[in-house]
Amino acid sequence: MSDAKRGLSFYLLAGFFGLFVLFLYGPTITIMVLSFQGPEGGLTFPMNGVSTHWFRNLFEQQAVGDFGGSFRRSIALALVVMMATVLFSLLAGFAFRRRFRGSDALFYLAVASLIVPSILVSLGIGLLFNILGLEPTWYGSALGAHLTWTLPFGLLIVFAIFNRFNPAYEEAARDLGASPWQTVRHVVLPILLPSLIGVGMSGFTLSYDEFARTLMTAGSFNTLPLEIYGMTTNVTTPVLYALGSLTTLFSFTMIGLCLLAVVGLRRRRLRQSLRAA
């Protein structure tokens, strides 16, 4: 272990990183603390008592806002986007393993939406539906808008995975008599599964939190980000903070479950390898 003294650059970078973490998580922690205001509490410090009143109030009938409905819509939309992102990203990964005519143009076309401002994508899709005489809906136009955001990320992740994939595993499976489908099912997919869980988690979180691409495409029914935005103009109680705390807790729970799934898969593969040995 080295006893060399750390230079000034280490402390400057450590200080910068500390400020970054404070800037990133400070507002979230503040909202969580304020959500435990007493019944007479307001939206700012100092706190007027400590209670779970506003969490209970969140599940009661509200004069404004549809918490339950918007939450269910966001979850349903995010789950569909997650499955579509994983499926199409995986299929595209298989397709792009070999070069074909127009592959470069198709790739750049697929990821081009990352550089287009999200509000313009939302506006364009909303206008297109209006021109076609179709009503924008959260399960139709908003679904397409979210896929323009999640699919490019999924494609980039899957392409990076396949670039590191060793084709020797597939060759070994074919040498042992496996068909192409058996090779994919029993060799390729188990190896890629932890990474695909990451792609799904990325697609879910990007869709669940998306605001700009939902603004002009959700139609008459809000998703949770739109509902929260609308509440900021007419809700003057900490119930809004309680909602933010619960959605943040839900997001971390989903991430934790995905990480547990990845760890479980790795342990399962390790046990299978030990049995085979």
C-alpha atoms as a PDB file:
ATOM      1  CA  MET A   1       0.000   0.000   0.000  1.00  0.00           C
ATOM      2  CA  SER A   2       1.455   3.328  -1.060  1.00  0.00           C
ATOM      3  CA  ASP A   3       2.043   6.036   1.560  1.00  0.00           C
ATOM      4  CA  ALA A   4       2.392   8.796  -1.032  1.00  0.00           C
ATOM      5  CA  LYS A   5       0.485  11.952  -0.251  1.00  0.00           C
ATOM      6  CA  ARG A   6      -2.438  12.820  -2.458  1.00  0.00           C
ATOM      7  CA  GLY A   7      -1.971  15.914  -4.567  1.00  0.00           C
ATOM      8  CA  LEU A   8      -4.151  18.988  -4.823  1.00  0.00           C
ATOM      9  CA  SER A   9      -5.923  17.588  -7.877  1.00  0.00           C
ATOM     10  CA  PHE A  10      -7.341  14.703  -5.806  1.00  0.00           C
ATOM     11  CA  TYR A  11      -8.980  17.056  -3.312  1.00  0.00           C
ATOM     12  CA  LEU A  12     -10.293  19.344  -6.051  1.00  0.00           C
ATOM     13  CA  LEU A  13     -11.870  16.406  -7.870  1.00  0.00           C
ATOM     14  CA  ALA A  14     -13.230  15.009  -4.586  1.00  0.00           C
ATOM     15  CA  GLY A  15     -14.783  18.387  -3.780  1.00  0.00           C
ATOM     16  CA  PHE A  16     -16.285  18.648  -7.253  1.00  0.00           C
ATOM     17  CA  PHE A  17     -17.723  15.137  -6.967  1.00  0.00           C
ATOM     18  CA  GLY A  18     -19.178  15.964  -3.545  1.00  0.00           C
ATOM     19  CA  LEU A  19     -20.901  19.057  -4.971  1.00  0.00           C
ATOM     20  CA  PHE A  20     -22.198  16.979  -7.874  1.00  0.00           C
ATOM     21  CA  VAL A  21     -23.724  14.376  -5.522  1.00  0.00           C
ATOM     22  CA  LEU A  22     -25.235  17.138  -3.374  1.00  0.00           C
ATOM     23  CA  PHE A  23     -26.704  18.862  -6.448  1.00  0.00           C
ATOM     24  CA  LEU A  24     -28.062  15.542  -7.740  1.00  0.00           C
ATOM     25  CA  TYR A  25     -29.597  14.109  -4.567  1.00  0.00           C
ATOM     26  CA  GLY A  26     -30.056  17.210  -2.417  1.00  0.00           C
ATOM     27  CA  PRO A  27     -33.427  18.239  -3.924  1.00  0.00           C
ATOM     28  CA  THR A  28     -34.727  14.668  -3.689  1.00  0.00           C
ATOM     29  CA  ILE A  29     -33.745  14.396  -0.033  1.00  0.00           C
ATOM     30  CA  THR A  30     -35.321  17.800   0.674  1.00  0.00           C
ATOM     31  CA  ILE A  31     -38.612  16.741  -0.902  1.00  0.00           C
ATOM     32  CA  MET A  32     -38.623  13.501   1.073  1.00  0.00           C
ATOM     33  CA  VAL A  33     -38.042  15.366   4.335  1.00  0.00           C
ATOM     34  CA  LEU A  34     -40.776  17.942   3.607  1.00  0.00           C
ATOM     35  CA  SER A  35     -43.238  15.184   2.701  1.00  0.00           C
ATOM     36  CA  PHE A  36     -43.309  14.267   6.421  1.00  0.00           C
ATOM     37  CA  GLN A  37     -44.681  17.671   7.419  1.00  0.00           C
ATOM     38  CA  GLY A  38     -47.409  17.752  10.053  1.00  0.00           C
ATOM     39  CA  PRO A  39     -51.067  18.350   9.095  1.00  0.00           C
ATOM     40  CA  GLU A  40     -50.565  22.092   9.339  1.00  0.00           C
ATOM     41  CA  GLY A  41     -47.252  22.050   7.464  1.00  0.00           C
ATOM     42  CA  GLY A  42     -46.496  23.935   4.281  1.00  0.00           C
ATOM     43  CA  LEU A  43     -44.258  23.609   1.271  1.00  0.00           C
ATOM     44  CA  THR A  44     -41.120  25.058   2.844  1.00  0.00           C
ATOM     45  CA  PHE A  45     -39.006  24.882   5.970  1.00  0.00           C
ATOM     46  CA  PRO A  46     -39.282  25.102   8.928  1.00  0.00           C
ATOM     47  CA  MET A  47     -41.320  21.940   9.373  1.00  0.00           C
ATOM     48  CA  ASN A  48     -44.524  22.184  11.370  1.00  0.00           C
ATOM     49  CA  GLY A  49     -44.534  18.810  13.083  1.00  0.00           C
ATOM     50  CA  VAL A  50     -43.704  15.359  11.770  1.00  0.00           C
ATOM     51  CA  SER A  51     -46.303  12.879  10.509  1.00  0.00           C
ATOM     52  CA  THR A  52     -47.394  10.673   7.600  1.00  0.00           C
ATOM     53  CA  HIS A  53     -50.542  12.757   7.123  1.00  0.00           C
ATOM     54  CA  TRP A  54     -49.776  13.733   3.538  1.00  0.00           C
ATOM     55  CA  PHE A  55     -49.048  10.161   2.502  1.00  0.00           C
ATOM     56  CA  ARG A  56     -52.491   9.145   3.787  1.00  0.00           C
ATOM     57  CA  ASN A  57     -54.015  12.186   2.130  1.00  0.00           C
ATOM     58  CA  LEU A  58     -52.462  11.131  -1.154  1.00  0.00           C
ATOM     59  CA  PHE A  59     -54.741   8.082  -1.330  1.00  0.00           C
ATOM     60  CA  GLU A  60     -57.885  10.016  -0.442  1.00  0.00           C
ATOM     61  CA  GLN A  61     -60.194  11.815  -2.868  1.00  0.00           C
ATOM     62  CA  GLN A  62     -58.401  14.884  -4.205  1.00  0.00           C
ATOM     63  CA  ALA A  63     -59.963  18.108  -5.399  1.00  0.00           C
ATOM     64  CA  VAL A  64     -57.436  18.141  -8.240  1.00  0.00           C
ATOM     65  CA  GLY A  65     -55.319  15.444  -9.820  1.00  0.00           C
ATOM     66  CA  ASP A  66     -55.789  11.786 -10.668  1.00  0.00           C
ATOM     67  CA  PHE A  67     -52.885  10.129  -8.887  1.00  0.00           C
ATOM     68  CA  GLY A  68     -54.016   6.535  -9.191  1.00  0.00           C
ATOM     69  CA  GLY A  69     -55.049   6.702 -12.830  1.00  0.00           C
ATOM     70  CA  SER A  70     -51.941   8.557 -13.984  1.00  0.00           C
ATOM     71  CA  PHE A  71     -49.704   6.146 -12.039  1.00  0.00           C
ATOM     72  CA  ARG A  72     -51.365   3.099 -13.624  1.00  0.00           C
ATOM     73  CA  ARG A  73     -51.055   4.616 -17.079  1.00  0.00           C
ATOM     74  CA  SER A  74     -47.372   5.406 -16.565  1.00  0.00           C
ATOM     75  CA  ILE A  75     -46.654   1.883 -15.310  1.00  0.00           C
ATOM     76  CA  ALA A  76     -48.553   0.230 -18.170  1.00  0.00           C
ATOM     77  CA  LEU A  77     -46.886   2.449 -20.761  1.00  0.00           C
ATOM     78  CA  ALA A  78     -43.419   1.919 -19.288  1.00  0.00           C
ATOM     79  CA  LEU A  79     -43.866  -1.869 -19.226  1.00  0.00           C
ATOM     80  CA  VAL A  80     -44.924  -1.969 -22.879  1.00  0.00           C
ATOM     81  CA  VAL A  81     -42.065   0.330 -23.865  1.00  0.00           C
ATOM     82  CA  MET A  82     -39.633  -1.836 -21.875  1.00  0.00           C
ATOM     83  CA  MET A  83     -40.708  -5.056 -23.621  1.00  0.00           C
ATOM     84  CA  ALA A  84     -40.712  -3.438 -27.069  1.00  0.00           C
ATOM     85  CA  THR A  85     -37.284  -1.898 -26.470  1.00  0.00           C
ATOM     86  CA  VAL A  86     -35.750  -5.208 -25.414  1.00  0.00           C
ATOM     87  CA  LEU A  87     -37.356  -7.163 -28.254  1.00  0.00           C
ATOM     88  CA  PHE A  88     -36.541  -4.798 -31.117  1.00  0.00           C
ATOM     89  CA  SER A  89     -33.073  -3.968 -29.789  1.00  0.00           C
ATOM     90  CA  LEU A  90     -32.229  -7.671 -29.576  1.00  0.00           C
ATOM     91  CA  LEU A  91     -33.574  -8.372 -33.077  1.00  0.00           C
ATOM     92  CA  ALA A  92     -31.642  -5.396 -34.453  1.00  0.00           C
ATOM     93  CA  GLY A  93     -28.513  -6.655 -32.701  1.00  0.00           C
ATOM     94  CA  PHE A  94     -28.829  -9.996 -34.483  1.00  0.00           C
ATOM     95  CA  ALA A  95     -29.536  -8.269 -37.804  1.00  0.00           C
ATOM     96  CA  PHE A  96     -26.525  -5.951 -37.594  1.00  0.00           C
ATOM     97  CA  ARG A  97     -24.060  -8.720 -36.794  1.00  0.00           C
ATOM     98  CA  ARG A  98     -23.497  -8.916 -40.537  1.00  0.00           C
ATOM     99  CA  ARG A  99     -23.207  -5.887 -42.765  1.00  0.00           C
ATOM    100  CA  PHE A 100     -25.894  -5.438 -45.396  1.00  0.00           C
ATOM    101  CA  ARG A 101     -26.728  -2.815 -47.981  1.00  0.00           C
ATOM    102  CA  GLY A 102     -27.846   0.370 -46.271  1.00  0.00           C
ATOM    103  CA  SER A 103     -26.914  -0.788 -42.758  1.00  0.00           C
ATOM    104  CA  ASP A 104     -24.974   2.400 -41.970  1.00  0.00           C
ATOM    105  CA  ALA A 105     -27.787   4.669 -43.139  1.00  0.00           C
ATOM    106  CA  LEU A 106     -30.347   2.631 -41.205  1.00  0.00           C
ATOM    107  CA  PHE A 107     -28.255   2.809 -38.027  1.00  0.00           C
ATOM    108  CA  TYR A 108     -27.823   6.584 -38.181  1.00  0.00           C
ATOM    109  CA  LEU A 109     -31.508   6.981 -38.986  1.00  0.00           C
ATOM    110  CA  ALA A 110     -32.425   4.909 -35.927  1.00  0.00           C
ATOM    111  CA  VAL A 111     -30.310   6.955 -33.501  1.00  0.00           C
ATOM    112  CA  ALA A 112     -31.036  10.336 -35.094  1.00  0.00           C
ATOM    113  CA  SER A 113     -33.924  10.989 -32.700  1.00  0.00           C
ATOM    114  CA  LEU A 114     -31.404  11.351 -29.870  1.00  0.00           C
ATOM    115  CA  ILE A 115     -30.221  14.669 -31.285  1.00  0.00           C
ATOM    116  CA  VAL A 116     -33.706  15.995 -32.090  1.00  0.00           C
ATOM    117  CA  PRO A 117     -35.202  18.069 -29.240  1.00  0.00           C
ATOM    118  CA  SER A 118     -37.778  15.959 -27.436  1.00  0.00           C
ATOM    119  CA  ILE A 119     -40.446  18.647 -27.555  1.00  0.00           C
ATOM    120  CA  LEU A 120     -40.160  18.765 -31.362  1.00  0.00           C
ATOM    121  CA  VAL A 121     -40.623  15.000 -31.582  1.00  0.00           C
ATOM    122  CA  SER A 122     -43.691  15.254 -29.366  1.00  0.00           C
ATOM    123  CA  LEU A 123     -45.079  18.166 -31.381  1.00  0.00           C
ATOM    124  CA  GLY A 124     -44.454  16.417 -34.696  1.00  0.00           C
ATOM    125  CA  ILE A 125     -46.159  13.179 -33.663  1.00  0.00           C
ATOM    126  CA  GLY A 126     -49.099  15.076 -32.196  1.00  0.00           C
ATOM    127  CA  LEU A 127     -49.535  17.113 -35.383  1.00  0.00           C
ATOM    128  CA  LEU A 128     -49.261  13.984 -37.531  1.00  0.00           C
ATOM    129  CA  PHE A 129     -52.061  12.298 -35.607  1.00  0.00           C
ATOM    130  CA  ASN A 130     -54.229  15.398 -35.948  1.00  0.00           C
ATOM    131  CA  ILE A 131     -53.588  15.586 -39.700  1.00  0.00           C
ATOM    132  CA  LEU A 132     -54.538  11.922 -40.059  1.00  0.00           C
ATOM    133  CA  GLY A 133     -57.711  12.530 -38.068  1.00  0.00           C
ATOM    134  CA  LEU A 134     -56.557  10.284 -35.203  1.00  0.00           C
ATOM    135  CA  GLU A 135     -56.849  11.149 -31.547  1.00  0.00           C
ATOM    136  CA  PRO A 136     -53.520  11.149 -29.674  1.00  0.00           C
ATOM    137  CA  THR A 137     -53.566   8.644 -26.819  1.00  0.00           C
ATOM    138  CA  TRP A 138     -51.114   7.578 -24.124  1.00  0.00           C
ATOM    139  CA  TYR A 139     -51.180   3.989 -25.426  1.00  0.00           C
ATOM    140  CA  GLY A 140     -50.792   4.953 -29.106  1.00  0.00           C
ATOM    141  CA  SER A 141     -49.028   8.154 -30.049  1.00  0.00           C
ATOM    142  CA  ALA A 142     -47.263   8.447 -26.673  1.00  0.00           C
ATOM    143  CA  LEU A 143     -46.043   4.857 -27.033  1.00  0.00           C
ATOM    144  CA  GLY A 144     -44.456   5.705 -30.385  1.00  0.00           C
ATOM    145  CA  ALA A 145     -42.952   8.896 -28.992  1.00  0.00           C
ATOM    146  CA  HIS A 146     -41.374   7.028 -26.084  1.00  0.00           C
ATOM    147  CA  LEU A 147     -39.913   4.388 -28.394  1.00  0.00           C
ATOM    148  CA  THR A 148     -38.147   7.130 -30.356  1.00  0.00           C
ATOM    149  CA  TRP A 149     -36.336   7.854 -27.073  1.00  0.00           C
ATOM    150  CA  THR A 150     -35.735   4.380 -25.622  1.00  0.00           C
ATOM    151  CA  LEU A 151     -34.973   2.363 -28.766  1.00  0.00           C
ATOM    152  CA  PRO A 152     -31.815   4.283 -29.760  1.00  0.00           C
ATOM    153  CA  PHE A 153     -30.355   3.729 -26.289  1.00  0.00           C
ATOM    154  CA  GLY A 154     -31.340   0.079 -26.426  1.00  0.00           C
ATOM    155  CA  LEU A 155     -29.721  -0.305 -29.847  1.00  0.00           C
ATOM    156  CA  LEU A 156     -26.464   1.275 -28.714  1.00  0.00           C
ATOM    157  CA  ILE A 157     -26.299  -0.973 -25.644  1.00  0.00           C
ATOM    158  CA  VAL A 158     -27.081  -4.152 -27.593  1.00  0.00           C
ATOM    159  CA  PHE A 159     -24.569  -3.296 -30.335  1.00  0.00           C
ATOM    160  CA  ALA A 160     -21.887  -2.815 -27.673  1.00  0.00           C
ATOM    161  CA  ILE A 161     -22.823  -6.192 -26.165  1.00  0.00           C
ATOM    162  CA  PHE A 162     -22.590  -8.011 -29.489  1.00  0.00           C
ATOM    163  CA  ASN A 163     -19.249  -6.363 -30.266  1.00  0.00           C
ATOM    164  CA  ARG A 164     -17.858  -8.057 -27.139  1.00  0.00           C
ATOM    165  CA  PHE A 165     -19.656 -11.358 -27.716  1.00  0.00           C
ATOM    166  CA  ASN A 166     -17.353 -14.296 -28.437  1.00  0.00           C
ATOM    167  CA  PRO A 167     -18.724 -16.267 -31.437  1.00  0.00           C
ATOM    168  CA  ALA A 168     -16.732 -19.296 -30.290  1.00  0.00           C
ATOM    169  CA  TYR A 169     -19.638 -20.193 -27.991  1.00  0.00           C
ATOM    170  CA  GLU A 170     -21.985 -20.448 -30.966  1.00  0.00           C
ATOM    171  CA  GLU A 171     -19.464 -22.446 -32.982  1.00  0.00           C
ATOM    172  CA  ALA A 172     -19.063 -24.886 -30.091  1.00  0.00           C
ATOM    173  CA  ALA A 173     -22.837 -25.331 -29.845  1.00  0.00           C
ATOM    174  CA  ARG A 174     -23.135 -26.008 -33.582  1.00  0.00           C
ATOM    175  CA  ASP A 175     -20.239 -28.488 -33.418  1.00  0.00           C
ATOM    176  CA  LEU A 176     -22.219 -30.363 -30.739  1.00  0.00           C
ATOM    177  CA  GLY A 177     -25.205 -30.612 -33.070  1.00  0.00           C
ATOM    178  CA  ALA A 178     -27.351 -27.686 -31.895  1.00  0.00           C
ATOM    179  CA  SER A 179     -29.678 -26.079 -34.424  1.00  0.00           C
ATOM    180  CA  PRO A 180     -29.538 -22.302 -34.978  1.00  0.00           C
ATOM    181  CA  TRP A 181     -32.600 -21.783 -32.753  1.00  0.00           C
ATOM    182  CA  GLN A 182     -31.176 -24.045 -30.024  1.00  0.00           C
ATOM    183  CA  THR A 183     -27.919 -22.103 -30.182  1.00  0.00           C
ATOM    184  CA  VAL A 184     -29.770 -18.833 -29.692  1.00  0.00           C
ATOM    185  CA  ARG A 185     -32.050 -20.180 -26.972  1.00  0.00           C
ATOM    186  CA  HIS A 186     -29.589 -22.178 -24.895  1.00  0.00           C
ATOM    187  CA  VAL A 187     -26.303 -20.331 -25.528  1.00  0.00           C
ATOM    188  CA  VAL A 188     -26.693 -16.775 -26.779  1.00  0.00           C
ATOM    189  CA  LEU A 189     -29.726 -15.598 -24.804  1.00  0.00           C
ATOM    190  CA  PRO A 190     -28.519 -16.902 -21.382  1.00  0.00           C
ATOM    191  CA  ILE A 191     -25.222 -15.081 -21.892  1.00  0.00           C
ATOM    192  CA  LEU A 192     -26.957 -11.875 -22.966  1.00  0.00           C
ATOM    193  CA  LEU A 193     -29.754 -12.021 -20.383  1.00  0.00           C
ATOM    194  CA  PRO A 194     -28.136  -9.835 -17.665  1.00  0.00           C
ATOM    195  CA  SER A 195     -27.408  -7.160 -20.267  1.00  0.00           C
ATOM    196  CA  LEU A 196     -30.935  -7.419 -21.668  1.00  0.00           C
ATOM    197  CA  ILE A 197     -32.280  -6.838 -18.166  1.00  0.00           C
ATOM    198  CA  GLY A 198     -30.220  -3.641 -18.152  1.00  0.00           C
ATOM    199  CA  VAL A 199     -31.727  -2.632 -21.509  1.00  0.00           C
ATOM    200  CA  GLY A 200     -35.205  -3.277 -20.135  1.00  0.00           C
ATOM    201  CA  MET A 201     -34.498  -1.300 -16.968  1.00  0.00           C
ATOM    202  CA  SER A 202     -33.198   1.593 -19.051  1.00  0.00           C
ATOM    203  CA  GLY A 203     -36.283   1.546 -21.282  1.00  0.00           C
ATOM    204  CA  PHE A 204     -38.628   1.379 -18.296  1.00  0.00           C
ATOM    205  CA  THR A 205     -37.063   4.276 -16.403  1.00  0.00           C
ATOM    206  CA  LEU A 206     -36.753   6.488 -19.483  1.00  0.00           C
ATOM    207  CA  SER A 207     -40.426   5.954 -20.320  1.00  0.00           C
ATOM    208  CA  TYR A 208     -41.717   6.192 -16.753  1.00  0.00           C
ATOM    209  CA  ASP A 209     -40.066   9.602 -16.224  1.00  0.00           C
ATOM    210  CA  GLU A 210     -40.533  11.035 -19.723  1.00  0.00           C
ATOM    211  CA  PHE A 211     -42.274  14.402 -19.881  1.00  0.00           C
ATOM    212  CA  ALA A 212     -41.392  16.292 -23.070  1.00  0.00           C
ATOM    213  CA  ARG A 213     -42.216  13.490 -25.537  1.00  0.00           C
ATOM    214  CA  THR A 214     -45.481  12.831 -23.711  1.00  0.00           C
ATOM    215  CA  LEU A 215     -46.673  16.426 -23.527  1.00  0.00           C
ATOM    216  CA  MET A 216     -48.243  16.608 -27.008  1.00  0.00           C
ATOM    217  CA  THR A 217     -48.953  12.913 -27.486  1.00  0.00           C
ATOM    218  CA  ALA A 218     -50.755  11.679 -24.356  1.00  0.00           C
ATOM    219  CA  GLY A 219     -54.178  12.908 -25.390  1.00  0.00           C
ATOM    220  CA  SER A 220     -56.875  13.486 -22.769  1.00  0.00           C
ATOM    221  CA  PHE A 221     -55.355  11.307 -20.039  1.00  0.00           C
ATOM    222  CA  ASN A 222     -52.160  12.303 -18.289  1.00  0.00           C
ATOM    223  CA  THR A 223     -49.269  10.110 -17.369  1.00  0.00           C
ATOM    224  CA  LEU A 224     -47.699  10.636 -13.950  1.00  0.00           C
ATOM    225  CA  PRO A 225     -45.043  13.189 -15.041  1.00  0.00           C
ATOM    226  CA  LEU A 226     -47.744  15.287 -16.740  1.00  0.00           C
ATOM    227  CA  GLU A 227     -49.998  14.963 -13.699  1.00  0.00           C
ATOM    228  CA  ILE A 228     -47.226  16.120 -11.369  1.00  0.00           C
ATOM    229  CA  TYR A 229     -46.447  19.055 -13.644  1.00  0.00           C
ATOM    230  CA  GLY A 230     -50.101  20.063 -13.685  1.00  0.00           C
ATOM    231  CA  MET A 231     -50.299  19.784  -9.909  1.00  0.00           C
ATOM    232  CA  THR A 232     -47.457  22.260  -9.409  1.00  0.00           C
ATOM    233  CA  THR A 233     -49.776  25.091 -10.502  1.00  0.00           C
ATOM    234  CA  ASN A 234     -52.737  24.292  -8.253  1.00  0.00           C
ATOM    235  CA  VAL A 235     -51.579  22.142  -5.313  1.00  0.00           C
ATOM    236  CA  THR A 236     -50.269  24.088  -2.334  1.00  0.00           C
ATOM    237  CA  THR A 237     -49.822  21.282   0.206  1.00  0.00           C
ATOM    238  CA  PRO A 238     -47.019  18.751   0.840  1.00  0.00           C
ATOM    239  CA  VAL A 239     -49.175  16.059  -0.793  1.00  0.00           C
ATOM    240  CA  LEU A 240     -47.162  16.808  -3.926  1.00  0.00           C
ATOM    241  CA  TYR A 241     -43.951  16.003  -2.034  1.00  0.00           C
ATOM    242  CA  ALA A 242     -45.495  12.771  -0.755  1.00  0.00           C
ATOM    243  CA  LEU A 243     -46.257  11.762  -4.324  1.00  0.00           C
ATOM    244  CA  GLY A 244     -42.693  12.567  -5.360  1.00  0.00           C
ATOM    245  CA  SER A 245     -41.293  10.532  -2.471  1.00  0.00           C
ATOM    246  CA  LEU A 246     -43.396   7.485  -3.362  1.00  0.00           C
ATOM    247  CA  THR A 247     -42.488   7.615  -7.053  1.00  0.00           C
ATOM    248  CA  THR A 248     -38.799   7.964  -6.177  1.00  0.00           C
ATOM    249  CA  LEU A 249     -39.056   4.986  -3.822  1.00  0.00           C
ATOM    250  CA  PHE A 250     -40.799   3.017  -6.550  1.00  0.00           C
ATOM    251  CA  SER A 251     -38.035   3.813  -9.054  1.00  0.00           C
ATOM    252  CA  PHE A 252     -35.306   2.690  -6.656  1.00  0.00           C
ATOM    253  CA  THR A 253     -37.290  -0.462  -5.873  1.00  0.00           C
ATOM    254  CA  MET A 254     -37.483  -1.357  -9.560  1.00  0.00           C
ATOM    255  CA  ILE A 255     -33.754  -0.785  -9.965  1.00  0.00           C
ATOM    256  CA  GLY A 256     -33.062  -2.930  -6.902  1.00  0.00           C
ATOM    257  CA  LEU A 257     -35.224  -5.778  -8.216  1.00  0.00           C
ATOM    258  CA  CYS A 258     -33.418  -5.699 -11.554  1.00  0.00           C
ATOM    259  CA  LEU A 259     -30.028  -5.780  -9.817  1.00  0.00           C
ATOM    260  CA  LEU A 260     -31.164  -8.735  -7.700  1.00  0.00           C
ATOM    261  CA  ALA A 261     -32.281 -10.506 -10.868  1.00  0.00           C
ATOM    262  CA  VAL A 262     -28.863  -9.968 -12.465  1.00  0.00           C
ATOM    263  CA  VAL A 263     -27.060 -11.239  -9.347  1.00  0.00           C
ATOM    264  CA  GLY A 264     -29.342 -14.262  -9.233  1.00  0.00           C
ATOM    265  CA  LEU A 265     -28.668 -15.074 -12.871  1.00  0.00           C
ATOM    266  CA  ARG A 266     -24.917 -14.816 -12.352  1.00  0.00           C
ATOM    267  CA  ARG A 267     -25.054 -17.143  -9.363  1.00  0.00           C
ATOM    268  CA  ARG A 268     -27.174 -19.606 -11.321  1.00  0.00           C
ATOM    269  CA  ARG A 269     -24.712 -19.605 -14.198  1.00  0.00           C
ATOM    270  CA  LEU A 270     -21.841 -20.082 -11.745  1.00  0.00           C
ATOM    271  CA  ARG A 271     -23.549 -23.087 -10.149  1.00  0.00           C
ATOM    272  CA  GLN A 272     -24.227 -24.573 -13.576  1.00  0.00           C
ATOM    273  CA  SER A 273     -20.589 -24.096 -14.546  1.00  0.00           C
ATOM    274  CA  LEU A 274     -19.425 -25.788 -11.359  1.00  0.00           C
ATOM    275  CA  ARG A 275     -21.743 -28.747 -11.982  1.00  0.00           C
ATOM    276  CA  ALA A 276     -20.502 -29.047 -15.557  1.00  0.00           C
ATOM    277  CA  ALA A 277     -16.908 -29.015 -14.360  1.00  0.00           C
END
